[in-house]
């Protein structure tokens, strides 16, 4: 009799437990999904803000380089004609420093990429020369090649402006900038538990700039690894550059979020199981008492 009673109630115990486990797991999984959706929305906002600031920064640099070239055109042309004029060179160097604090260097080249200032020729490497060549073909094409490169300078990028001398020659004036201002934008907009950085498009996820600065400051591999690429929540190409902004969520933040969700799942499920077992024990005690009472009545009869 007791065995039959146990079989009768065991079904009513395990079915609710299985059902509530499935329901709680669904809710927990949905909460994890909502976590990723929320973090993705934040990442998109962060990237869009960084993109806006970087675009404005680059537009300002291009405009200021153009203004400088126009304002100092006579001096720049004279320096090309007299590259050994150290006083004139220093005058322009000081002016560049005032216009562009932190600029790495400046120079002037012809439309074929040949540097026209002998004393800075050794500083201008293949990356800069390629930029000049592309700029001479199309300024828009050159902008599209904007990237971080080292050459013989520190890691930098180049902003160029076309000049025409009084005798009709085409010259390219350009200033090289270290990406620290861009790194500061990234640092200010990077979300807790996220990595906001710039990689080079179509270059095996080569890191260009992080919150620390150019990739030369990184104490890790310079390319993103597959596990990092799997955690990219948002990305956006920076117009007129070879750059792509990406947001990577940290593994620790994912683990923390999942542990909280499934901890709550465990607490609720354990409480339900405990309550169910207590109810089962109570029912079984009641059944045992009823069984004994019925047995006594049978014997009396």
C-alpha atoms as a PDB file:
ATOM      1  CA  UNK A   1       0.000   0.000   0.000  1.00  0.00           C
ATOM      2  CA  UNK A   2       2.789   2.393   0.971  1.00  0.00           C
ATOM      3  CA  UNK A   3       4.693   1.474  -2.154  1.00  0.00           C
ATOM      4  CA  UNK A   4       1.652   2.220  -4.287  1.00  0.00           C
ATOM      5  CA  UNK A   5       1.163   5.546  -2.521  1.00  0.00           C
ATOM      6  CA  UNK A   6       4.798   6.508  -3.121  1.00  0.00           C
ATOM      7  CA  UNK A   7       4.525   5.720  -6.842  1.00  0.00           C
ATOM      8  CA  UNK A   8       1.353   7.786  -6.999  1.00  0.00           C
ATOM      9  CA  UNK A   9       2.982  10.895  -5.504  1.00  0.00           C
ATOM     10  CA  UNK A  10       6.453  10.598  -7.028  1.00  0.00           C
ATOM     11  CA  UNK A  11       5.053  11.579 -10.436  1.00  0.00           C
ATOM     12  CA  UNK A  12       3.583  14.725  -8.963  1.00  0.00           C
ATOM     13  CA  UNK A  13       6.976  15.581  -7.459  1.00  0.00           C
ATOM     14  CA  UNK A  14       9.331  15.132 -10.384  1.00  0.00           C
ATOM     15  CA  UNK A  15       7.113  16.572 -13.087  1.00  0.00           C
ATOM     16  CA  UNK A  16       6.951  20.003 -11.373  1.00  0.00           C
ATOM     17  CA  UNK A  17      10.696  19.863 -10.634  1.00  0.00           C
ATOM     18  CA  UNK A  18      11.529  19.133 -14.282  1.00  0.00           C
ATOM     19  CA  UNK A  19       9.068  21.768 -15.463  1.00  0.00           C
ATOM     20  CA  UNK A  20      10.401  24.477 -13.142  1.00  0.00           C
ATOM     21  CA  UNK A  21      14.005  23.557 -14.057  1.00  0.00           C
ATOM     22  CA  UNK A  22      13.207  23.991 -17.741  1.00  0.00           C
ATOM     23  CA  UNK A  23      11.408  27.275 -17.083  1.00  0.00           C
ATOM     24  CA  UNK A  24      14.197  28.677 -14.906  1.00  0.00           C
ATOM     25  CA  UNK A  25      16.845  27.629 -17.435  1.00  0.00           C
ATOM     26  CA  UNK A  26      14.890  29.388 -20.181  1.00  0.00           C
ATOM     27  CA  UNK A  27      14.615  32.540 -18.051  1.00  0.00           C
ATOM     28  CA  UNK A  28      18.329  32.398 -17.164  1.00  0.00           C
ATOM     29  CA  UNK A  29      19.338  31.939 -20.809  1.00  0.00           C
ATOM     30  CA  UNK A  30      17.055  34.801 -21.791  1.00  0.00           C
ATOM     31  CA  UNK A  31      18.651  36.994 -19.121  1.00  0.00           C
ATOM     32  CA  UNK A  32      22.113  36.204 -20.512  1.00  0.00           C
ATOM     33  CA  UNK A  33      20.891  37.099 -23.993  1.00  0.00           C
ATOM     34  CA  UNK A  34      19.435  40.373 -22.685  1.00  0.00           C
ATOM     35  CA  UNK A  35      22.776  41.094 -21.012  1.00  0.00           C
ATOM     36  CA  UNK A  36      24.568  40.790 -24.355  1.00  0.00           C
ATOM     37  CA  UNK A  37      21.931  42.913 -26.092  1.00  0.00           C
ATOM     38  CA  UNK A  38      22.340  45.642 -23.477  1.00  0.00           C
ATOM     39  CA  UNK A  39      26.142  45.535 -23.632  1.00  0.00           C
ATOM     40  CA  UNK A  40      25.984  45.632 -27.435  1.00  0.00           C
ATOM     41  CA  UNK A  41      23.805  48.745 -27.359  1.00  0.00           C
ATOM     42  CA  UNK A  42      26.326  50.411 -25.034  1.00  0.00           C
ATOM     43  CA  UNK A  43      29.195  49.320 -27.291  1.00  0.00           C
ATOM     44  CA  UNK A  44      27.513  50.785 -30.386  1.00  0.00           C
ATOM     45  CA  UNK A  45      26.972  54.094 -28.587  1.00  0.00           C
ATOM     46  CA  UNK A  46      30.596  54.126 -27.442  1.00  0.00           C
ATOM     47  CA  UNK A  47      31.902  53.404 -30.941  1.00  0.00           C
ATOM     48  CA  UNK A  48      29.672  56.008 -32.591  1.00  0.00           C
ATOM     49  CA  UNK A  49      30.839  58.639 -30.101  1.00  0.00           C
ATOM     50  CA  UNK A  50      34.494  57.727 -30.672  1.00  0.00           C
ATOM     51  CA  UNK A  51      34.002  57.780 -34.444  1.00  0.00           C
ATOM     52  CA  UNK A  52      32.454  61.256 -34.277  1.00  0.00           C
ATOM     53  CA  UNK A  53      35.325  62.631 -32.198  1.00  0.00           C
ATOM     54  CA  UNK A  54      37.993  61.036 -34.389  1.00  0.00           C
ATOM     55  CA  UNK A  55      36.318  62.317 -37.568  1.00  0.00           C
ATOM     56  CA  UNK A  56      36.137  65.841 -36.152  1.00  0.00           C
ATOM     57  CA  UNK A  57      39.754  65.592 -35.027  1.00  0.00           C
ATOM     58  CA  UNK A  58      40.983  64.493 -38.467  1.00  0.00           C
ATOM     59  CA  UNK A  59      38.895  67.148 -40.241  1.00  0.00           C
ATOM     60  CA  UNK A  60      40.408  69.751 -37.941  1.00  0.00           C
ATOM     61  CA  UNK A  61      43.938  68.500 -38.638  1.00  0.00           C
ATOM     62  CA  UNK A  62      43.405  68.573 -42.399  1.00  0.00           C
ATOM     63  CA  UNK A  63      41.946  72.065 -42.227  1.00  0.00           C
ATOM     64  CA  UNK A  64      44.785  73.351 -40.027  1.00  0.00           C
ATOM     65  CA  UNK A  65      47.485  71.770 -42.185  1.00  0.00           C
ATOM     66  CA  UNK A  66      45.914  73.506 -45.184  1.00  0.00           C
ATOM     67  CA  UNK A  67      45.796  76.837 -43.338  1.00  0.00           C
ATOM     68  CA  UNK A  68      49.403  76.482 -42.271  1.00  0.00           C
ATOM     69  CA  UNK A  69      50.566  75.658 -45.795  1.00  0.00           C
ATOM     70  CA  UNK A  70      48.715  78.712 -47.156  1.00  0.00           C
ATOM     71  CA  UNK A  71      49.988  81.065 -44.456  1.00  0.00           C
ATOM     72  CA  UNK A  72      53.592  79.909 -44.753  1.00  0.00           C
ATOM     73  CA  UNK A  73      53.690  79.137 -48.456  1.00  0.00           C
ATOM     74  CA  UNK A  74      56.423  81.671 -49.201  1.00  0.00           C
ATOM     75  CA  UNK A  75      58.615  80.410 -46.368  1.00  0.00           C
ATOM     76  CA  UNK A  76      58.047  76.788 -47.349  1.00  0.00           C
ATOM     77  CA  UNK A  77      58.903  77.480 -50.978  1.00  0.00           C
ATOM     78  CA  UNK A  78      62.000  79.373 -49.909  1.00  0.00           C
ATOM     79  CA  UNK A  79      63.056  76.472 -47.700  1.00  0.00           C
ATOM     80  CA  UNK A  80      62.695  74.080 -50.629  1.00  0.00           C
ATOM     81  CA  UNK A  81      64.924  76.360 -52.713  1.00  0.00           C
ATOM     82  CA  UNK A  82      67.383  76.727 -49.823  1.00  0.00           C
ATOM     83  CA  UNK A  83      67.170  73.504 -47.791  1.00  0.00           C
ATOM     84  CA  UNK A  84      70.406  74.331 -45.943  1.00  0.00           C
ATOM     85  CA  UNK A  85      68.912  77.477 -44.409  1.00  0.00           C
ATOM     86  CA  UNK A  86      68.878  76.273 -40.802  1.00  0.00           C
ATOM     87  CA  UNK A  87      67.356  79.488 -39.414  1.00  0.00           C
ATOM     88  CA  UNK A  88      64.418  79.324 -41.788  1.00  0.00           C
ATOM     89  CA  UNK A  89      63.959  75.646 -41.076  1.00  0.00           C
ATOM     90  CA  UNK A  90      63.916  76.297 -37.333  1.00  0.00           C
ATOM     91  CA  UNK A  91      61.441  79.132 -37.821  1.00  0.00           C
ATOM     92  CA  UNK A  92      59.048  76.811 -39.636  1.00  0.00           C
ATOM     93  CA  UNK A  93      59.693  74.047 -37.088  1.00  0.00           C
ATOM     94  CA  UNK A  94      58.743  76.392 -34.256  1.00  0.00           C
ATOM     95  CA  UNK A  95      55.643  77.497 -36.130  1.00  0.00           C
ATOM     96  CA  UNK A  96      54.612  73.876 -36.718  1.00  0.00           C
ATOM     97  CA  UNK A  97      55.039  73.182 -32.989  1.00  0.00           C
ATOM     98  CA  UNK A  98      52.773  76.114 -32.158  1.00  0.00           C
ATOM     99  CA  UNK A  99      50.137  75.116 -34.700  1.00  0.00           C
ATOM    100  CA  UNK A 100      50.315  71.396 -33.932  1.00  0.00           C
ATOM    101  CA  UNK A 101      51.485  70.549 -30.391  1.00  0.00           C
ATOM    102  CA  UNK A 102      52.989  67.087 -30.353  1.00  0.00           C
ATOM    103  CA  UNK A 103      53.528  66.854 -34.113  1.00  0.00           C
ATOM    104  CA  UNK A 104      56.214  64.296 -34.897  1.00  0.00           C
ATOM    105  CA  UNK A 105      57.727  66.055 -37.907  1.00  0.00           C
ATOM    106  CA  UNK A 106      56.957  67.938 -41.087  1.00  0.00           C
ATOM    107  CA  UNK A 107      58.435  67.928 -44.554  1.00  0.00           C
ATOM    108  CA  UNK A 108      57.865  68.857 -48.178  1.00  0.00           C
ATOM    109  CA  UNK A 109      58.036  66.486 -51.118  1.00  0.00           C
ATOM    110  CA  UNK A 110      57.363  66.589 -54.797  1.00  0.00           C
ATOM    111  CA  UNK A 111      54.418  64.812 -56.370  1.00  0.00           C
ATOM    112  CA  UNK A 112      56.459  61.635 -56.841  1.00  0.00           C
ATOM    113  CA  UNK A 113      57.253  61.300 -53.165  1.00  0.00           C
ATOM    114  CA  UNK A 114      60.806  62.642 -53.368  1.00  0.00           C
ATOM    115  CA  UNK A 115      61.615  64.578 -50.201  1.00  0.00           C
ATOM    116  CA  UNK A 116      62.824  68.084 -50.972  1.00  0.00           C
ATOM    117  CA  UNK A 117      64.318  68.874 -47.562  1.00  0.00           C
ATOM    118  CA  UNK A 118      67.646  67.112 -47.225  1.00  0.00           C
ATOM    119  CA  UNK A 119      67.917  67.337 -43.439  1.00  0.00           C
ATOM    120  CA  UNK A 120      64.708  65.351 -42.873  1.00  0.00           C
ATOM    121  CA  UNK A 121      65.116  62.913 -45.747  1.00  0.00           C
ATOM    122  CA  UNK A 122      66.361  60.167 -43.442  1.00  0.00           C
ATOM    123  CA  UNK A 123      63.169  60.417 -41.371  1.00  0.00           C
ATOM    124  CA  UNK A 124      60.775  59.810 -44.232  1.00  0.00           C
ATOM    125  CA  UNK A 125      60.259  56.128 -44.892  1.00  0.00           C
ATOM    126  CA  UNK A 126      58.334  53.991 -47.355  1.00  0.00           C
ATOM    127  CA  UNK A 127      54.981  54.481 -45.643  1.00  0.00           C
ATOM    128  CA  UNK A 128      55.153  58.253 -45.917  1.00  0.00           C
ATOM    129  CA  UNK A 129      56.398  58.118 -49.490  1.00  0.00           C
ATOM    130  CA  UNK A 130      53.540  55.850 -50.495  1.00  0.00           C
ATOM    131  CA  UNK A 131      51.105  58.278 -48.897  1.00  0.00           C
ATOM    132  CA  UNK A 132      52.618  61.134 -50.882  1.00  0.00           C
ATOM    133  CA  UNK A 133      52.392  59.167 -54.109  1.00  0.00           C
ATOM    134  CA  UNK A 134      48.740  58.359 -53.527  1.00  0.00           C
ATOM    135  CA  UNK A 135      48.034  61.937 -52.541  1.00  0.00           C
ATOM    136  CA  UNK A 136      49.523  63.190 -55.786  1.00  0.00           C
ATOM    137  CA  UNK A 137      47.113  60.913 -57.659  1.00  0.00           C
ATOM    138  CA  UNK A 138      44.051  61.747 -55.580  1.00  0.00           C
ATOM    139  CA  UNK A 139      43.740  63.398 -52.199  1.00  0.00           C
ATOM    140  CA  UNK A 140      40.701  61.231 -51.488  1.00  0.00           C
ATOM    141  CA  UNK A 141      42.666  58.093 -52.278  1.00  0.00           C
ATOM    142  CA  UNK A 142      45.380  59.274 -49.931  1.00  0.00           C
ATOM    143  CA  UNK A 143      42.895  59.899 -47.148  1.00  0.00           C
ATOM    144  CA  UNK A 144      41.647  56.363 -47.583  1.00  0.00           C
ATOM    145  CA  UNK A 145      45.184  55.156 -46.831  1.00  0.00           C
ATOM    146  CA  UNK A 146      45.371  56.967 -43.491  1.00  0.00           C
ATOM    147  CA  UNK A 147      46.969  54.507 -41.104  1.00  0.00           C
ATOM    148  CA  UNK A 148      49.552  54.140 -38.384  1.00  0.00           C
ATOM    149  CA  UNK A 149      53.076  53.374 -39.561  1.00  0.00           C
ATOM    150  CA  UNK A 150      56.497  53.617 -37.999  1.00  0.00           C
ATOM    151  CA  UNK A 151      59.041  54.181 -40.759  1.00  0.00           C
ATOM    152  CA  UNK A 152      62.029  55.796 -39.000  1.00  0.00           C
ATOM    153  CA  UNK A 153      59.845  57.887 -36.695  1.00  0.00           C
ATOM    154  CA  UNK A 154      57.713  56.824 -33.808  1.00  0.00           C
ATOM    155  CA  UNK A 155      54.379  55.345 -34.801  1.00  0.00           C
ATOM    156  CA  UNK A 156      52.435  58.094 -36.541  1.00  0.00           C
ATOM    157  CA  UNK A 157      50.010  59.016 -39.295  1.00  0.00           C
ATOM    158  CA  UNK A 158      50.376  61.679 -41.990  1.00  0.00           C
ATOM    159  CA  UNK A 159      48.151  64.607 -42.935  1.00  0.00           C
ATOM    160  CA  UNK A 160      48.969  66.183 -46.312  1.00  0.00           C
ATOM    161  CA  UNK A 161      48.178  69.302 -48.293  1.00  0.00           C
ATOM    162  CA  UNK A 162      48.955  70.068 -51.920  1.00  0.00           C
ATOM    163  CA  UNK A 163      50.833  73.290 -52.672  1.00  0.00           C
ATOM    164  CA  UNK A 164      51.721  74.981 -55.935  1.00  0.00           C
ATOM    165  CA  UNK A 165      54.786  77.154 -56.167  1.00  0.00           C
ATOM    166  CA  UNK A 166      54.870  80.454 -58.024  1.00  0.00           C
ATOM    167  CA  UNK A 167      56.536  78.712 -60.959  1.00  0.00           C
ATOM    168  CA  UNK A 168      53.776  76.075 -61.140  1.00  0.00           C
ATOM    169  CA  UNK A 169      55.479  73.178 -59.415  1.00  0.00           C
ATOM    170  CA  UNK A 170      53.318  70.828 -57.360  1.00  0.00           C
ATOM    171  CA  UNK A 171      54.567  70.156 -53.837  1.00  0.00           C
ATOM    172  CA  UNK A 172      53.139  68.167 -50.974  1.00  0.00           C
ATOM    173  CA  UNK A 173      53.419  69.587 -47.481  1.00  0.00           C
ATOM    174  CA  UNK A 174      52.656  67.158 -44.740  1.00  0.00           C
ATOM    175  CA  UNK A 175      52.807  66.862 -40.987  1.00  0.00           C
ATOM    176  CA  UNK A 176      53.173  63.594 -39.118  1.00  0.00           C
ATOM    177  CA  UNK A 177      51.231  63.121 -35.890  1.00  0.00           C
ATOM    178  CA  UNK A 178      51.490  60.613 -33.091  1.00  0.00           C
ATOM    179  CA  UNK A 179      48.071  59.129 -32.259  1.00  0.00           C
ATOM    180  CA  UNK A 180      48.001  60.106 -28.585  1.00  0.00           C
ATOM    181  CA  UNK A 181      44.976  62.394 -28.950  1.00  0.00           C
ATOM    182  CA  UNK A 182      43.065  59.548 -30.576  1.00  0.00           C
ATOM    183  CA  UNK A 183      44.161  57.249 -27.746  1.00  0.00           C
ATOM    184  CA  UNK A 184      42.782  59.781 -25.255  1.00  0.00           C
ATOM    185  CA  UNK A 185      39.394  59.751 -27.005  1.00  0.00           C
ATOM    186  CA  UNK A 186      39.380  55.969 -26.787  1.00  0.00           C
ATOM    187  CA  UNK A 187      40.345  56.021 -23.117  1.00  0.00           C
ATOM    188  CA  UNK A 188      37.570  58.470 -22.239  1.00  0.00           C
ATOM    189  CA  UNK A 189      34.884  56.517 -24.097  1.00  0.00           C
ATOM    190  CA  UNK A 190      35.934  52.981 -23.238  1.00  0.00           C
ATOM    191  CA  UNK A 191      33.266  51.218 -21.175  1.00  0.00           C
ATOM    192  CA  UNK A 192      34.078  49.325 -17.966  1.00  0.00           C
ATOM    193  CA  UNK A 193      34.659  45.687 -18.847  1.00  0.00           C
ATOM    194  CA  UNK A 194      35.210  46.520 -22.525  1.00  0.00           C
ATOM    195  CA  UNK A 195      38.153  47.198 -24.826  1.00  0.00           C
ATOM    196  CA  UNK A 196      37.664  49.993 -27.333  1.00  0.00           C
ATOM    197  CA  UNK A 197      40.407  50.082 -29.946  1.00  0.00           C
ATOM    198  CA  UNK A 198      41.286  50.706 -33.566  1.00  0.00           C
ATOM    199  CA  UNK A 199      42.478  47.950 -35.850  1.00  0.00           C
ATOM    200  CA  UNK A 200      43.724  48.130 -39.415  1.00  0.00           C
ATOM    201  CA  UNK A 201      41.166  46.914 -41.928  1.00  0.00           C
ATOM    202  CA  UNK A 202      42.069  43.869 -44.006  1.00  0.00           C
ATOM    203  CA  UNK A 203      45.301  43.285 -42.115  1.00  0.00           C
ATOM    204  CA  UNK A 204      44.666  40.213 -39.931  1.00  0.00           C
ATOM    205  CA  UNK A 205      43.165  42.405 -37.196  1.00  0.00           C
ATOM    206  CA  UNK A 206      46.379  44.356 -36.646  1.00  0.00           C
ATOM    207  CA  UNK A 207      45.965  46.691 -33.680  1.00  0.00           C
ATOM    208  CA  UNK A 208      46.544  50.351 -34.549  1.00  0.00           C
ATOM    209  CA  UNK A 209      45.577  52.333 -31.443  1.00  0.00           C
ATOM    210  CA  UNK A 210      44.387  51.463 -27.930  1.00  0.00           C
ATOM    211  CA  UNK A 211      43.705  53.571 -24.853  1.00  0.00           C
ATOM    212  CA  UNK A 212      47.465  53.444 -24.200  1.00  0.00           C
ATOM    213  CA  UNK A 213      48.466  54.818 -27.594  1.00  0.00           C
ATOM    214  CA  UNK A 214      49.967  53.235 -30.703  1.00  0.00           C
ATOM    215  CA  UNK A 215      50.550  49.467 -30.773  1.00  0.00           C
ATOM    216  CA  UNK A 216      54.239  49.968 -29.968  1.00  0.00           C
ATOM    217  CA  UNK A 217      53.151  50.460 -26.348  1.00  0.00           C
ATOM    218  CA  UNK A 218      51.424  47.077 -26.169  1.00  0.00           C
ATOM    219  CA  UNK A 219      52.987  44.285 -24.139  1.00  0.00           C
ATOM    220  CA  UNK A 220      51.148  41.592 -26.076  1.00  0.00           C
ATOM    221  CA  UNK A 221      50.721  40.266 -29.582  1.00  0.00           C
ATOM    222  CA  UNK A 222      49.966  43.080 -32.038  1.00  0.00           C
ATOM    223  CA  UNK A 223      47.120  41.149 -33.695  1.00  0.00           C
ATOM    224  CA  UNK A 224      43.820  40.194 -32.130  1.00  0.00           C
ATOM    225  CA  UNK A 225      43.482  36.485 -31.445  1.00  0.00           C
ATOM    226  CA  UNK A 226      40.398  34.414 -32.452  1.00  0.00           C
ATOM    227  CA  UNK A 227      38.940  34.379 -28.924  1.00  0.00           C
ATOM    228  CA  UNK A 228      39.007  38.190 -28.889  1.00  0.00           C
ATOM    229  CA  UNK A 229      37.355  38.422 -32.288  1.00  0.00           C
ATOM    230  CA  UNK A 230      34.562  36.174 -30.989  1.00  0.00           C
ATOM    231  CA  UNK A 231      33.856  38.756 -28.277  1.00  0.00           C
ATOM    232  CA  UNK A 232      33.539  41.751 -30.615  1.00  0.00           C
ATOM    233  CA  UNK A 233      30.172  43.372 -29.860  1.00  0.00           C
ATOM    234  CA  UNK A 234      30.312  46.247 -32.325  1.00  0.00           C
ATOM    235  CA  UNK A 235      32.544  47.643 -35.057  1.00  0.00           C
ATOM    236  CA  UNK A 236      32.572  50.592 -37.424  1.00  0.00           C
ATOM    237  CA  UNK A 237      34.863  51.717 -40.235  1.00  0.00           C
ATOM    238  CA  UNK A 238      36.355  55.168 -39.771  1.00  0.00           C
ATOM    239  CA  UNK A 239      35.567  57.041 -42.999  1.00  0.00           C
ATOM    240  CA  UNK A 240      38.527  57.967 -45.226  1.00  0.00           C
ATOM    241  CA  UNK A 241      40.970  55.818 -43.283  1.00  0.00           C
ATOM    242  CA  UNK A 242      42.212  52.246 -43.109  1.00  0.00           C
ATOM    243  CA  UNK A 243      40.914  52.137 -39.541  1.00  0.00           C
ATOM    244  CA  UNK A 244      38.105  50.214 -37.947  1.00  0.00           C
ATOM    245  CA  UNK A 245      36.820  50.916 -34.450  1.00  0.00           C
ATOM    246  CA  UNK A 246      35.846  47.803 -32.514  1.00  0.00           C
ATOM    247  CA  UNK A 247      34.506  47.074 -29.041  1.00  0.00           C
ATOM    248  CA  UNK A 248      35.482  43.825 -27.334  1.00  0.00           C
ATOM    249  CA  UNK A 249      33.790  42.718 -24.137  1.00  0.00           C
ATOM    250  CA  UNK A 250      36.137  41.249 -21.531  1.00  0.00           C
ATOM    251  CA  UNK A 251      35.944  37.554 -20.657  1.00  0.00           C
ATOM    252  CA  UNK A 252      35.722  38.472 -16.990  1.00  0.00           C
ATOM    253  CA  UNK A 253      32.611  40.580 -17.534  1.00  0.00           C
ATOM    254  CA  UNK A 254      30.905  37.746 -19.409  1.00  0.00           C
ATOM    255  CA  UNK A 255      31.825  35.225 -16.710  1.00  0.00           C
ATOM    256  CA  UNK A 256      30.615  37.557 -13.975  1.00  0.00           C
ATOM    257  CA  UNK A 257      27.271  38.152 -15.690  1.00  0.00           C
ATOM    258  CA  UNK A 258      26.711  34.444 -16.332  1.00  0.00           C
ATOM    259  CA  UNK A 259      27.663  33.492 -12.794  1.00  0.00           C
ATOM    260  CA  UNK A 260      25.159  35.981 -11.348  1.00  0.00           C
ATOM    261  CA  UNK A 261      22.358  34.764 -13.617  1.00  0.00           C
ATOM    262  CA  UNK A 262      22.966  31.068 -13.001  1.00  0.00           C
ATOM    263  CA  UNK A 263      23.614  31.647  -9.294  1.00  0.00           C
ATOM    264  CA  UNK A 264      20.117  33.098  -9.049  1.00  0.00           C
ATOM    265  CA  UNK A 265      18.874  30.133 -11.110  1.00  0.00           C
ATOM    266  CA  UNK A 266      20.495  27.743  -8.628  1.00  0.00           C
ATOM    267  CA  UNK A 267      19.079  29.532  -5.587  1.00  0.00           C
ATOM    268  CA  UNK A 268      15.528  29.584  -6.932  1.00  0.00           C
ATOM    269  CA  UNK A 269      15.686  26.001  -8.212  1.00  0.00           C
ATOM    270  CA  UNK A 270      17.180  24.706  -4.957  1.00  0.00           C
ATOM    271  CA  UNK A 271      14.517  26.504  -2.943  1.00  0.00           C
ATOM    272  CA  UNK A 272      11.790  24.993  -5.102  1.00  0.00           C
ATOM    273  CA  UNK A 273      13.241  21.480  -4.836  1.00  0.00           C
ATOM    274  CA  UNK A 274      13.602  21.838  -1.079  1.00  0.00           C
ATOM    275  CA  UNK A 275      10.024  23.052  -0.767  1.00  0.00           C
ATOM    276  CA  UNK A 276       8.793  20.220  -2.947  1.00  0.00           C
ATOM    277  CA  UNK A 277      10.674  17.620  -0.913  1.00  0.00           C
ATOM    278  CA  UNK A 278       9.328  19.038   2.339  1.00  0.00           C
ATOM    279  CA  UNK A 279       5.830  18.896   0.890  1.00  0.00           C
ATOM    280  CA  UNK A 280       6.464  15.315  -0.229  1.00  0.00           C
ATOM    281  CA  UNK A 281       7.669  14.315   3.227  1.00  0.00           C
ATOM    282  CA  UNK A 282       4.622  15.937   4.809  1.00  0.00           C
ATOM    283  CA  UNK A 283       2.288  14.145   2.399  1.00  0.00           C
ATOM    284  CA  UNK A 284       4.005  10.815   3.018  1.00  0.00           C
ATOM    285  CA  UNK A 285       3.693  11.249   6.796  1.00  0.00           C
ATOM    286  CA  UNK A 286       0.023  12.043   6.335  1.00  0.00           C
ATOM    287  CA  UNK A 287      -0.386   8.928   4.149  1.00  0.00           C
ATOM    288  CA  UNK A 288       1.394   6.777   6.743  1.00  0.00           C
ATOM    289  CA  UNK A 289      -0.886   8.023   9.508  1.00  0.00           C
ATOM    290  CA  UNK A 290      -3.967   7.441   7.333  1.00  0.00           C
ATOM    291  CA  UNK A 291      -2.723   3.963   6.482  1.00  0.00           C
ATOM    292  CA  UNK A 292      -2.254   3.058  10.140  1.00  0.00           C
ATOM    293  CA  UNK A 293      -5.655   4.472  11.046  1.00  0.00           C
ATOM    294  CA  UNK A 294      -7.338   2.438   8.292  1.00  0.00           C
ATOM    295  CA  UNK A 295      -5.460  -0.683   9.416  1.00  0.00           C
ATOM    296  CA  UNK A 296      -6.726  -0.309  13.004  1.00  0.00           C
ATOM    297  CA  UNK A 297     -10.283   0.161  11.808  1.00  0.00           C
ATOM    298  CA  UNK A 298     -10.009  -3.000   9.699  1.00  0.00           C
ATOM    299  CA  UNK A 299      -8.790  -5.018  12.694  1.00  0.00           C
ATOM    300  CA  UNK A 300     -11.583  -3.661  14.893  1.00  0.00           C
ATOM    301  CA  UNK A 301     -14.170  -4.592  12.331  1.00  0.00           C
END
